[in-house]
Amino acid sequence: MVSPIQIDAPEIHIPKPKEWPGLMQRKLREYKRVLSITKKPSMDEFKAIVKVTGLGMAVIGLIGFVIFMIVQGMGNLGI
């Protein structure tokens, strides 16, 4: 018989509906603070970000393709 999962985490707090207005105001203040300290990247920074992101996507895609080819090869061998 499978026993139900028990979660005993007192640090998890789910806000009740009466706490939502205060929660929204706090979140909006946090978002405003983050937006106030950010800046628009220069073209050189943007190009560097695009290159690194593209390289990361290519590496992850290559790893996935290699794994796919290994699995296909194992299927052809009957393993």
C-alpha atoms as a PDB file:
ATOM      1  CA  MET A   1       0.000   0.000   0.000  1.00  0.00           C
ATOM      2  CA  VAL A   2       1.282   3.447  -0.868  1.00  0.00           C
ATOM      3  CA  SER A   3       1.388   5.926   1.984  1.00  0.00           C
ATOM      4  CA  PRO A   4       0.494   9.575   1.329  1.00  0.00           C
ATOM      5  CA  ILE A   5       3.318  12.071   1.095  1.00  0.00           C
ATOM      6  CA  GLN A   6       3.655  14.175   4.202  1.00  0.00           C
ATOM      7  CA  ILE A   7       5.179  17.631   3.969  1.00  0.00           C
ATOM      8  CA  ASP A   8       6.309  19.210   7.196  1.00  0.00           C
ATOM      9  CA  ALA A   9       7.749  22.548   6.197  1.00  0.00           C
ATOM     10  CA  PRO A  10       6.853  25.387   8.555  1.00  0.00           C
ATOM     11  CA  GLU A  11       8.872  27.872   6.475  1.00  0.00           C
ATOM     12  CA  ILE A  12       6.408  27.574   3.565  1.00  0.00           C
ATOM     13  CA  HIS A  13       3.785  30.293   3.862  1.00  0.00           C
ATOM     14  CA  ILE A  14       0.846  30.509   1.501  1.00  0.00           C
ATOM     15  CA  PRO A  15      -0.759  33.952   1.812  1.00  0.00           C
ATOM     16  CA  LYS A  16      -4.443  34.074   2.652  1.00  0.00           C
ATOM     17  CA  PRO A  17      -6.752  36.231   0.466  1.00  0.00           C
ATOM     18  CA  LYS A  18      -6.856  39.034   3.042  1.00  0.00           C
ATOM     19  CA  GLU A  19      -3.026  39.296   2.774  1.00  0.00           C
ATOM     20  CA  TRP A  20      -3.064  39.693  -1.038  1.00  0.00           C
ATOM     21  CA  PRO A  21      -3.295  43.517  -1.248  1.00  0.00           C
ATOM     22  CA  GLY A  22      -0.199  43.960   0.922  1.00  0.00           C
ATOM     23  CA  LEU A  23       1.580  41.250  -1.023  1.00  0.00           C
ATOM     24  CA  MET A  24       0.854  42.999  -4.318  1.00  0.00           C
ATOM     25  CA  GLN A  25       2.171  46.319  -2.993  1.00  0.00           C
ATOM     26  CA  ARG A  26       5.381  44.674  -1.744  1.00  0.00           C
ATOM     27  CA  LYS A  27       5.924  42.923  -5.067  1.00  0.00           C
ATOM     28  CA  LEU A  28       5.337  46.133  -7.019  1.00  0.00           C
ATOM     29  CA  ARG A  29       7.902  47.927  -4.808  1.00  0.00           C
ATOM     30  CA  GLU A  30      10.412  45.127  -5.452  1.00  0.00           C
ATOM     31  CA  TYR A  31       9.820  45.309  -9.216  1.00  0.00           C
ATOM     32  CA  LYS A  32      10.186  49.110  -9.170  1.00  0.00           C
ATOM     33  CA  ARG A  33      13.463  48.836  -7.241  1.00  0.00           C
ATOM     34  CA  VAL A  34      14.872  46.284  -9.700  1.00  0.00           C
ATOM     35  CA  LEU A  35      13.872  48.402 -12.691  1.00  0.00           C
ATOM     36  CA  SER A  36      15.385  51.513 -11.140  1.00  0.00           C
ATOM     37  CA  ILE A  37      18.847  49.932 -10.758  1.00  0.00           C
ATOM     38  CA  THR A  38      18.958  48.298 -14.194  1.00  0.00           C
ATOM     39  CA  LYS A  39      20.328  49.940 -17.297  1.00  0.00           C
ATOM     40  CA  LYS A  40      20.055  49.356 -20.993  1.00  0.00           C
ATOM     41  CA  PRO A  41      23.038  47.306 -22.202  1.00  0.00           C
ATOM     42  CA  SER A  42      25.410  48.812 -24.712  1.00  0.00           C
ATOM     43  CA  MET A  43      25.610  47.255 -28.172  1.00  0.00           C
ATOM     44  CA  ASP A  44      28.883  45.492 -27.250  1.00  0.00           C
ATOM     45  CA  GLU A  45      27.312  43.999 -24.111  1.00  0.00           C
ATOM     46  CA  PHE A  46      24.266  42.914 -26.090  1.00  0.00           C
ATOM     47  CA  LYS A  47      26.394  41.217 -28.758  1.00  0.00           C
ATOM     48  CA  ALA A  48      28.380  39.379 -26.073  1.00  0.00           C
ATOM     49  CA  ILE A  49      25.163  38.181 -24.425  1.00  0.00           C
ATOM     50  CA  VAL A  50      23.802  36.969 -27.769  1.00  0.00           C
ATOM     51  CA  LYS A  51      27.044  35.104 -28.556  1.00  0.00           C
ATOM     52  CA  VAL A  52      27.195  33.383 -25.155  1.00  0.00           C
ATOM     53  CA  THR A  53      23.512  32.462 -25.281  1.00  0.00           C
ATOM     54  CA  GLY A  54      23.816  31.095 -28.809  1.00  0.00           C
ATOM     55  CA  LEU A  55      26.900  29.088 -27.902  1.00  0.00           C
ATOM     56  CA  GLY A  56      25.111  27.642 -24.858  1.00  0.00           C
ATOM     57  CA  MET A  57      22.109  26.657 -26.961  1.00  0.00           C
ATOM     58  CA  ALA A  58      24.366  25.021 -29.545  1.00  0.00           C
ATOM     59  CA  VAL A  59      26.249  23.036 -26.889  1.00  0.00           C
ATOM     60  CA  ILE A  60      23.044  21.833 -25.228  1.00  0.00           C
ATOM     61  CA  GLY A  61      21.603  20.910 -28.636  1.00  0.00           C
ATOM     62  CA  LEU A  62      24.762  19.013 -29.551  1.00  0.00           C
ATOM     63  CA  ILE A  63      24.668  17.073 -26.277  1.00  0.00           C
ATOM     64  CA  GLY A  64      21.014  16.195 -26.889  1.00  0.00           C
ATOM     65  CA  PHE A  65      21.784  15.096 -30.447  1.00  0.00           C
ATOM     66  CA  VAL A  66      24.654  12.877 -29.289  1.00  0.00           C
ATOM     67  CA  ILE A  67      22.413  11.260 -26.659  1.00  0.00           C
ATOM     68  CA  PHE A  68      19.707  10.757 -29.298  1.00  0.00           C
ATOM     69  CA  MET A  69      22.189   9.093 -31.658  1.00  0.00           C
ATOM     70  CA  ILE A  70      23.444   6.792 -28.883  1.00  0.00           C
ATOM     71  CA  VAL A  71      19.898   5.742 -28.003  1.00  0.00           C
ATOM     72  CA  GLN A  72      19.054   5.158 -31.685  1.00  0.00           C
ATOM     73  CA  GLY A  73      22.218   3.097 -32.093  1.00  0.00           C
ATOM     74  CA  MET A  74      21.339   0.979 -29.083  1.00  0.00           C
ATOM     75  CA  GLY A  75      17.856   0.409 -30.522  1.00  0.00           C
ATOM     76  CA  ASN A  76      19.321  -0.809 -33.804  1.00  0.00           C
ATOM     77  CA  LEU A  77      21.586  -3.240 -31.953  1.00  0.00           C
ATOM     78  CA  GLY A  78      18.625  -4.666 -30.029  1.00  0.00           C
ATOM     79  CA  ILE A  79      19.878  -3.596 -26.598  1.00  0.00           C
END
